[in-house]
Amino acid sequence: MAAANVGVDPIRPARAWYREVTHDQWMAFVGAYSGWVLDGFDFTILTFLLVDIQRSFAVNATLAGLLGQVTLMFRLVGGIGAGTAADRWGRKGPLMFSILWYSAFAFLSGFSTSYGMLFACRALFGIGMGGVWAAGMPLTLEHWPAHLRGTASGMMQSGYSLGLLLSALAFQFGYPLANAQADRGWRAMLWIGVLPALLVLFIMKSVKESPVWLERRRHLRDRHERDAVSLGHLFSRAVLPTTLHTSIMMGAFLFMYHSITYWYPTLLGTMHRQTLPYLMAFNVGAIAGSLVVGRWSETSIGRRGAAIASTLIGVAAIPIYVLASNGLLLGAGALVMGFFGTGNFGVVPAYLTERFPTMARAAGAGFAYHVGAGLGSFTPTLVGHLQDRGVPLMTAMSVCIAASGLMVAALIWLGPETPGKQFQAIDG
């Protein structure tokens, strides 16, 4: 069957890239990007509250780290569920449902009366977190022109870093006001997590369904065919190698990311440093890095080259990120690590969506990303466990960042290049 290409003009107009993007394409970006920003806020605000939670429920560092691990593990459930639903019924509905889901359980987390209840709420929160990525990334990238997919990818992924930056600002300025009563500050920070639910109204009104998915629906309807469950395609002979490679690769990416970020506010506290200036530097670097690496991946260096170079520079920055004692050098380390050590994620949305066929794009990208999240979910607990065994936090972080960074570079090199791939309504 002849493949139909949708929403892509292979001839680039001679004008600024942002003028090539239509109103509908920008609205798809804004809807998914906002969901990812607020998702990042709701997840990362917990990293500022670990000491309070340990005190409230009398738990050690390993159990505090386990709160992050269980969220990341349950992202797999959301990624598979929302991705499969997005391939079958469209990208918008699962995106909106996922935002409502994670907003509800972020809010309920603040009412926890025991560590067990908080653990359960953070696990359920992870389902919505996984769903936002699985449904939102294909929605945006199937709207955008093929030659700007790297740019959209970098901008999309930078939203998570903006969410972390917003959580740092909320903690710096909102937490002291809410903490007037004992045990109230960390709860109030979690209650804020209900606000993303309002975003669903914008998505309902302003965001259109993916044109690639709609075209596929039309083709199947004209042929009186129904799609099989997309999850099954991931384990077919043709797609299984891609599923395995991308899942393991994302495990390395997310192990590195959580090695860099999860315990970082705690590390700054042990150094008796104000967290906000360093987190500002880190997240400004991360936002800029995702944008630059995403754009860089559209050049001759490709997705793989951009990610590998960024990752290895991040590994080289470990000494000034976690081991420096000079405040200025520590700030420079935060900026460099943010730009390169997490900027490598700028290629991820485009690379994953380009690796899978349309019939299983949301399920495939969601599965790979969140299997990776599950594999990387052990990082917070591992770093906490190493501390309980007497390993200094800065040493534990350094070892984990270096090991996972080298794995990222090796694994992405083993995969194919993908820039410029045309999304087809019907594969084959």
Protein backbone atom coordinates (compact mmCIF):
# COMPACT_ATOMS: atom_id res chain seq x y z
CA MET A 1 0.00 0.00 0.00
CA ALA A 2 1.28 3.47 -0.76
CA ALA A 3 2.10 5.37 2.39
CA ALA A 4 0.40 8.67 3.02
CA ASN A 5 2.47 11.52 4.48
CA VAL A 6 0.49 13.95 6.54
CA GLY A 7 1.10 17.54 7.57
CA VAL A 8 4.68 17.66 6.24
CA ASP A 9 6.13 19.88 3.53
CA PRO A 10 9.52 18.50 2.46
CA ILE A 11 10.47 21.88 0.93
CA ARG A 12 11.57 24.32 3.60
CA PRO A 13 10.30 27.86 3.17
CA ALA A 14 13.00 30.52 3.24
CA ARG A 15 11.88 32.25 6.44
CA ALA A 16 12.42 32.13 10.19
CA TRP A 17 11.60 28.67 11.55
CA TYR A 18 9.00 29.90 14.02
CA ARG A 19 7.02 31.49 11.18
CA GLU A 20 6.70 28.09 9.54
CA VAL A 21 4.68 26.79 12.49
CA THR A 22 0.92 27.27 12.15
CA HIS A 23 -1.49 28.36 14.86
CA ASP A 24 -2.82 24.81 15.30
CA GLN A 25 0.71 23.45 15.61
CA TRP A 26 1.58 26.04 18.26
CA MET A 27 -1.59 25.26 20.21
CA ALA A 28 -0.73 21.54 20.22
CA PHE A 29 2.72 22.44 21.51
CA VAL A 30 1.39 24.78 24.21
CA GLY A 31 -1.11 22.22 25.49
CA ALA A 32 1.34 19.32 25.76
CA TYR A 33 4.20 21.55 26.94
CA SER A 34 2.13 23.07 29.73
CA GLY A 35 1.06 19.62 30.89
CA TRP A 36 4.69 18.52 31.02
CA VAL A 37 5.82 21.68 32.84
CA LEU A 38 3.21 21.23 35.56
CA ASP A 39 3.90 17.51 35.69
CA GLY A 40 7.56 18.33 36.34
CA PHE A 41 6.54 20.77 39.06
CA ASP A 42 4.35 18.24 40.85
CA PHE A 43 7.04 15.56 40.79
CA THR A 44 10.09 17.65 41.67
CA ILE A 45 8.50 19.65 44.50
CA LEU A 46 8.80 16.45 46.53
CA THR A 47 12.61 16.60 46.33
CA PHE A 48 12.57 19.79 48.42
CA LEU A 49 10.41 18.19 51.08
CA LEU A 50 12.29 14.98 51.84
CA VAL A 51 13.75 16.18 55.14
CA ASP A 52 10.31 17.30 56.39
CA ILE A 53 8.75 14.00 55.29
CA GLN A 54 11.48 12.00 57.03
CA ARG A 55 10.78 13.98 60.20
CA SER A 56 6.99 13.72 59.95
CA PHE A 57 6.89 9.97 59.43
CA ALA A 58 10.21 8.99 61.10
CA VAL A 59 11.64 7.25 58.01
CA ASN A 60 15.25 6.92 56.85
CA ALA A 61 16.86 8.16 53.62
CA THR A 62 16.20 4.87 51.83
CA LEU A 63 12.43 5.15 52.39
CA ALA A 64 12.52 8.83 51.43
CA GLY A 65 14.21 7.87 48.16
CA LEU A 66 11.64 5.12 47.66
CA LEU A 67 8.94 7.79 47.25
CA GLY A 68 10.67 8.88 44.08
CA GLN A 69 11.26 5.31 42.94
CA VAL A 70 7.64 4.21 43.23
CA THR A 71 6.46 7.23 41.23
CA LEU A 72 8.89 6.46 38.47
CA MET A 73 7.96 2.77 38.45
CA PHE A 74 4.25 3.52 38.13
CA ARG A 75 4.95 5.87 35.23
CA LEU A 76 5.26 2.67 33.20
CA VAL A 77 1.59 1.85 33.87
CA GLY A 78 0.53 5.30 32.73
CA GLY A 79 2.86 5.32 29.76
CA ILE A 80 1.60 1.99 28.45
CA GLY A 81 -2.05 2.69 29.22
CA ALA A 82 -2.22 6.22 27.83
CA GLY A 83 0.02 5.37 24.88
CA THR A 84 -2.14 2.43 23.88
CA ALA A 85 -5.29 4.52 24.30
CA ALA A 86 -3.75 7.38 22.29
CA ASP A 87 -3.04 5.06 19.36
CA ARG A 88 -6.58 3.66 19.46
CA TRP A 89 -8.76 6.68 20.33
CA GLY A 90 -6.61 9.75 19.66
CA ARG A 91 -3.94 11.72 21.50
CA LYS A 92 -6.05 14.45 23.14
CA GLY A 93 -8.33 12.41 25.39
CA PRO A 94 -5.60 10.41 27.14
CA LEU A 95 -3.57 13.60 27.61
CA MET A 96 -6.44 15.36 29.37
CA PHE A 97 -7.28 12.32 31.49
CA SER A 98 -3.65 11.97 32.56
CA ILE A 99 -3.44 15.62 33.63
CA LEU A 100 -6.59 15.28 35.73
CA TRP A 101 -5.27 12.05 37.25
CA TYR A 102 -1.89 13.36 38.36
CA SER A 103 -3.44 16.60 39.63
CA ALA A 104 -5.82 14.65 41.85
CA PHE A 105 -3.16 12.45 43.41
CA ALA A 106 -0.66 15.27 43.82
CA PHE A 107 -3.35 17.06 45.82
CA LEU A 108 -4.30 14.00 47.85
CA SER A 109 -0.64 13.41 48.74
CA GLY A 110 -0.79 16.49 50.96
CA PHE A 111 -3.43 14.85 53.17
CA SER A 112 -1.33 11.77 53.92
CA THR A 113 -1.61 10.63 57.53
CA SER A 114 1.11 7.97 57.24
CA TYR A 115 4.12 7.10 55.14
CA GLY A 116 2.10 4.25 53.60
CA MET A 117 -0.63 6.60 52.43
CA LEU A 118 1.90 9.03 50.94
CA PHE A 119 3.65 6.10 49.24
CA ALA A 120 0.36 4.98 47.65
CA CYS A 121 -0.54 8.50 46.49
CA ARG A 122 2.87 9.03 44.89
CA ALA A 123 2.57 5.65 43.15
CA LEU A 124 -0.82 6.59 41.69
CA PHE A 125 0.51 10.04 40.79
CA GLY A 126 3.10 8.29 38.63
CA ILE A 127 0.37 6.79 36.42
CA GLY A 128 -0.77 10.24 35.34
CA MET A 129 2.80 11.45 34.95
CA GLY A 130 3.55 8.63 32.53
CA GLY A 131 0.37 9.27 30.57
CA VAL A 132 1.13 12.94 29.92
CA TRP A 133 4.40 12.13 28.20
CA ALA A 134 3.05 9.18 26.20
CA ALA A 135 0.06 11.09 24.77
CA GLY A 136 1.46 14.63 24.69
CA MET A 137 4.71 14.10 22.80
CA PRO A 138 3.17 12.41 19.72
CA LEU A 139 0.34 14.96 19.72
CA THR A 140 2.86 17.78 19.31
CA LEU A 141 5.41 16.10 17.07
CA GLU A 142 2.81 14.73 14.64
CA HIS A 143 1.54 18.29 14.20
CA TRP A 144 4.95 19.88 13.55
CA PRO A 145 6.94 19.88 10.25
CA ALA A 146 9.49 17.06 10.01
CA HIS A 147 12.51 19.37 9.67
CA LEU A 148 11.55 21.22 12.87
CA ARG A 149 10.87 18.13 14.94
CA GLY A 150 14.21 18.41 16.74
CA THR A 151 13.39 21.99 17.71
CA ALA A 152 9.96 20.99 19.00
CA SER A 153 11.54 18.06 20.82
CA GLY A 154 14.04 20.27 22.64
CA MET A 155 11.40 22.80 23.57
CA MET A 156 9.01 20.12 24.78
CA GLN A 157 11.56 18.36 26.96
CA SER A 158 12.77 21.67 28.43
CA GLY A 159 9.35 22.00 30.04
CA TYR A 160 10.29 19.51 32.73
CA SER A 161 13.23 21.70 33.75
CA LEU A 162 10.94 24.72 33.85
CA GLY A 163 8.69 22.72 36.15
CA LEU A 164 11.63 22.04 38.44
CA LEU A 165 12.53 25.73 38.41
CA LEU A 166 8.97 26.67 39.35
CA SER A 167 9.03 24.15 42.20
CA ALA A 168 12.27 25.72 43.47
CA LEU A 169 10.65 29.17 43.41
CA ALA A 170 7.53 27.87 45.14
CA PHE A 171 9.64 26.27 47.84
CA GLN A 172 11.77 29.38 48.32
CA PHE A 173 8.89 31.85 48.59
CA GLY A 174 5.75 29.84 49.33
CA TYR A 175 7.03 27.24 51.75
CA PRO A 176 8.03 29.72 54.53
CA LEU A 177 4.53 31.23 54.45
CA ALA A 178 2.83 27.84 54.62
CA ASN A 179 5.16 26.44 57.26
CA ALA A 180 3.91 28.69 60.06
CA GLN A 181 2.26 25.63 61.60
CA ALA A 182 4.13 22.41 62.25
CA ASP A 183 3.79 19.77 59.53
CA ARG A 184 1.89 22.18 57.27
CA GLY A 185 4.58 23.45 54.87
CA TRP A 186 5.28 20.24 52.96
CA ARG A 187 1.57 19.47 52.75
CA ALA A 188 0.75 22.88 51.26
CA MET A 189 3.44 22.42 48.62
CA LEU A 190 1.76 19.18 47.55
CA TRP A 191 -1.74 20.71 47.60
CA ILE A 192 -0.60 23.18 44.92
CA GLY A 193 -0.48 20.17 42.60
CA VAL A 194 -4.21 20.38 41.93
CA LEU A 195 -3.82 23.51 39.77
CA PRO A 196 -2.83 21.72 36.50
CA ALA A 197 -6.38 20.36 36.29
CA LEU A 198 -7.40 23.77 34.93
CA LEU A 199 -5.21 23.16 31.87
CA VAL A 200 -7.68 20.58 30.60
CA LEU A 201 -10.15 23.36 29.75
CA PHE A 202 -7.57 24.96 27.43
CA ILE A 203 -6.76 21.67 25.72
CA MET A 204 -10.45 20.87 25.18
CA LYS A 205 -11.07 24.23 23.53
CA SER A 206 -7.86 25.11 21.68
CA VAL A 207 -5.92 21.95 20.78
CA LYS A 208 -6.79 19.90 17.71
CA GLU A 209 -6.27 16.17 17.33
CA SER A 210 -3.13 14.89 15.58
CA PRO A 211 -3.55 15.10 11.78
CA VAL A 212 -1.47 11.93 11.35
CA TRP A 213 -3.74 9.97 13.68
CA LEU A 214 -6.89 11.39 12.02
CA GLU A 215 -5.60 10.43 8.58
CA ARG A 216 -4.90 6.90 9.79
CA ARG A 217 -8.45 6.66 11.15
CA ARG A 218 -9.81 7.72 7.75
CA HIS A 219 -7.73 5.12 5.92
CA LEU A 220 -8.87 2.35 8.23
CA ARG A 221 -12.50 3.45 8.05
CA ASP A 222 -12.43 3.56 4.23
CA ARG A 223 -11.04 0.02 4.19
CA HIS A 224 -13.52 -1.14 6.85
CA GLU A 225 -10.63 -2.20 9.07
CA ARG A 226 -9.99 -1.88 12.77
CA ASP A 227 -6.64 -1.35 14.46
CA ALA A 228 -5.24 -4.08 16.62
CA VAL A 229 -4.15 -3.05 20.11
CA SER A 230 -0.98 -1.08 19.45
CA LEU A 231 0.87 -2.59 22.42
CA GLY A 232 1.02 -5.89 20.56
CA HIS A 233 2.93 -4.31 17.65
CA LEU A 234 5.82 -3.50 19.98
CA PHE A 235 6.64 -7.20 20.30
CA SER A 236 6.30 -8.11 16.62
CA ARG A 237 9.39 -9.35 14.84
CA ALA A 238 9.82 -6.05 12.99
CA VAL A 239 9.46 -3.73 15.97
CA LEU A 240 10.82 -5.77 18.91
CA PRO A 241 14.49 -4.80 18.38
CA THR A 242 13.49 -1.12 18.47
CA THR A 243 11.40 -1.68 21.62
CA LEU A 244 14.28 -3.39 23.43
CA HIS A 245 16.96 -0.90 22.38
CA THR A 246 14.98 2.23 23.15
CA SER A 247 13.78 0.91 26.52
CA ILE A 248 17.27 0.05 27.74
CA MET A 249 18.63 3.31 26.35
CA MET A 250 15.98 5.30 28.22
CA GLY A 251 16.84 3.40 31.39
CA ALA A 252 20.36 4.80 31.12
CA PHE A 253 19.07 8.31 30.31
CA LEU A 254 16.77 8.37 33.33
CA PHE A 255 19.28 6.76 35.67
CA MET A 256 21.64 9.60 34.77
CA TYR A 257 18.95 12.26 35.14
CA HIS A 258 17.88 11.14 38.60
CA SER A 259 21.49 10.71 39.67
CA ILE A 260 21.96 14.38 38.81
CA THR A 261 18.74 15.85 40.21
CA TYR A 262 16.88 13.87 42.87
CA TRP A 263 19.25 14.36 45.81
CA TYR A 264 20.75 17.65 44.59
CA PRO A 265 18.69 19.94 46.87
CA THR A 266 19.66 17.71 49.80
CA LEU A 267 23.34 17.91 48.78
CA LEU A 268 23.17 21.70 48.74
CA GLY A 269 21.63 21.61 52.20
CA THR A 270 24.51 19.50 53.55
CA MET A 271 26.88 22.12 52.13
CA HIS A 272 24.90 24.83 53.96
CA ARG A 273 24.12 26.51 50.65
CA GLN A 274 20.95 28.32 49.67
CA THR A 275 19.27 26.00 47.18
CA LEU A 276 17.56 28.58 44.96
CA PRO A 277 20.59 30.24 43.28
CA TYR A 278 22.10 26.89 42.30
CA LEU A 279 18.81 25.43 41.18
CA MET A 280 18.16 28.56 39.14
CA ALA A 281 21.53 28.13 37.44
CA PHE A 282 20.94 24.42 36.91
CA ASN A 283 17.47 24.77 35.41
CA VAL A 284 18.28 27.79 33.25
CA GLY A 285 21.11 25.65 31.89
CA ALA A 286 18.80 22.66 31.45
CA ILE A 287 16.18 24.68 29.56
CA ALA A 288 18.77 26.28 27.30
CA GLY A 289 20.57 22.97 26.84
CA SER A 290 17.43 21.11 25.74
CA LEU A 291 16.69 23.83 23.18
CA VAL A 292 20.25 23.95 21.85
CA VAL A 293 20.75 20.18 21.73
CA GLY A 294 17.36 19.76 20.05
CA ARG A 295 18.31 22.29 17.35
CA TRP A 296 21.79 20.81 17.14
CA SER A 297 20.28 17.40 16.39
CA GLU A 298 18.83 18.83 13.15
CA THR A 299 22.33 19.48 11.78
CA SER A 300 24.74 16.97 10.23
CA ILE A 301 25.72 15.72 13.70
CA GLY A 302 22.28 14.13 14.03
CA ARG A 303 20.28 12.96 17.04
CA ARG A 304 22.95 10.52 18.22
CA GLY A 305 25.90 12.87 17.89
CA ALA A 306 24.12 15.70 19.70
CA ALA A 307 23.10 13.46 22.60
CA ILE A 308 26.50 11.80 22.96
CA ALA A 309 28.47 15.05 22.93
CA SER A 310 26.12 16.62 25.45
CA THR A 311 26.24 13.59 27.74
CA LEU A 312 30.02 13.28 27.80
CA ILE A 313 30.49 16.97 28.58
CA GLY A 314 28.05 16.49 31.45
CA VAL A 315 30.13 13.60 32.81
CA ALA A 316 33.25 15.76 32.58
CA ALA A 317 31.48 18.44 34.66
CA ILE A 318 30.98 16.16 37.72
CA PRO A 319 33.89 17.64 39.74
CA ILE A 320 32.53 21.19 39.64
CA TYR A 321 28.91 20.05 40.05
CA VAL A 322 29.12 18.04 43.28
CA LEU A 323 32.70 18.26 44.57
CA ALA A 324 33.53 21.98 44.39
CA SER A 325 33.73 23.97 47.61
CA ASN A 326 33.91 27.42 46.04
CA GLY A 327 30.45 28.94 45.60
CA LEU A 328 31.19 30.50 42.20
CA LEU A 329 32.62 27.25 40.86
CA LEU A 330 29.68 25.31 42.28
CA GLY A 331 27.29 27.66 40.48
CA ALA A 332 29.18 27.23 37.23
CA GLY A 333 28.98 23.47 37.73
CA ALA A 334 25.21 23.68 38.15
CA LEU A 335 24.88 25.68 34.93
CA VAL A 336 27.14 23.36 32.91
CA MET A 337 25.59 20.17 34.27
CA GLY A 338 22.11 21.49 33.57
CA PHE A 339 23.03 22.51 30.01
CA PHE A 340 24.87 19.35 29.02
CA GLY A 341 24.10 16.65 31.60
CA THR A 342 20.34 17.03 31.21
CA GLY A 343 20.27 18.91 27.88
CA ASN A 344 20.83 15.54 26.19
CA PHE A 345 17.10 14.94 26.74
CA GLY A 346 16.41 17.54 24.06
CA VAL A 347 16.65 14.81 21.41
CA VAL A 348 14.55 12.22 23.25
CA PRO A 349 10.94 13.06 22.24
CA ALA A 350 11.86 13.33 18.56
CA TYR A 351 14.15 10.30 18.59
CA LEU A 352 11.63 8.00 20.25
CA THR A 353 8.65 9.08 18.15
CA GLU A 354 10.74 8.70 14.99
CA ARG A 355 11.78 5.17 15.92
CA PHE A 356 8.23 3.74 16.02
CA PRO A 357 5.57 3.34 13.26
CA THR A 358 2.36 5.36 13.40
CA MET A 359 0.25 2.36 14.40
CA ALA A 360 2.23 2.08 17.65
CA ARG A 361 3.92 5.48 17.97
CA ALA A 362 2.34 6.64 21.23
CA ALA A 363 2.45 3.18 22.79
CA GLY A 364 6.02 2.62 21.60
CA ALA A 365 7.44 5.95 22.72
CA GLY A 366 5.46 5.78 25.97
CA PHE A 367 6.54 2.19 26.63
CA ALA A 368 10.23 2.84 25.96
CA TYR A 369 10.35 6.06 27.95
CA HIS A 370 8.59 4.59 30.94
CA VAL A 371 10.26 1.21 30.96
CA GLY A 372 13.34 3.40 31.07
CA ALA A 373 11.78 5.34 33.93
CA GLY A 374 11.14 2.06 35.72
CA LEU A 375 14.74 0.96 35.24
CA GLY A 376 15.99 4.36 36.32
CA SER A 377 13.57 4.49 39.25
CA PHE A 378 16.02 2.65 41.47
CA THR A 379 18.40 5.61 41.39
CA PRO A 380 16.91 7.67 44.27
CA THR A 381 16.72 4.59 46.49
CA LEU A 382 20.21 3.45 45.50
CA VAL A 383 21.73 6.83 46.35
CA GLY A 384 19.79 6.87 49.63
CA HIS A 385 20.96 3.32 50.42
CA LEU A 386 24.59 4.23 49.73
CA GLN A 387 24.24 7.10 52.21
CA ASP A 388 22.80 4.75 54.85
CA ARG A 389 25.87 2.51 54.27
CA GLY A 390 28.20 5.43 54.99
CA VAL A 391 29.01 6.63 51.46
CA PRO A 392 29.05 10.45 51.28
CA LEU A 393 26.22 11.85 49.18
CA MET A 394 28.57 13.66 46.79
CA THR A 395 30.48 10.42 46.15
CA ALA A 396 27.32 8.40 45.56
CA MET A 397 26.01 10.98 43.10
CA SER A 398 29.33 11.22 41.26
CA VAL A 399 29.65 7.48 40.71
CA CYS A 400 26.06 7.11 39.53
CA ILE A 401 26.27 10.09 37.15
CA ALA A 402 29.51 8.87 35.57
CA ALA A 403 28.42 5.25 35.14
CA SER A 404 25.03 6.08 33.67
CA GLY A 405 26.45 8.79 31.39
CA LEU A 406 28.86 6.37 29.78
CA MET A 407 25.99 3.92 29.30
CA VAL A 408 23.89 6.60 27.59
CA ALA A 409 26.67 7.42 25.13
CA ALA A 410 27.26 3.77 24.28
CA LEU A 411 23.60 2.81 23.91
CA ILE A 412 22.47 5.70 21.72
CA TRP A 413 25.43 5.12 19.42
CA LEU A 414 24.12 1.60 18.77
CA GLY A 415 20.84 2.94 17.36
CA PRO A 416 20.09 4.41 13.90
CA GLU A 417 19.88 8.06 12.95
CA THR A 418 16.33 9.38 12.38
CA PRO A 419 16.19 13.15 11.52
CA GLY A 420 13.78 14.11 8.76
CA LYS A 421 11.77 10.87 8.92
CA GLN A 422 8.36 11.41 7.38
CA PHE A 423 5.44 10.37 9.59
CA GLN A 424 3.07 8.17 7.63
CA ALA A 425 -0.62 7.68 8.25
CA ILE A 426 -0.33 4.08 7.07
CA ASP A 427 2.90 2.19 7.66
CA GLY A 428 4.27 -0.24 5.13
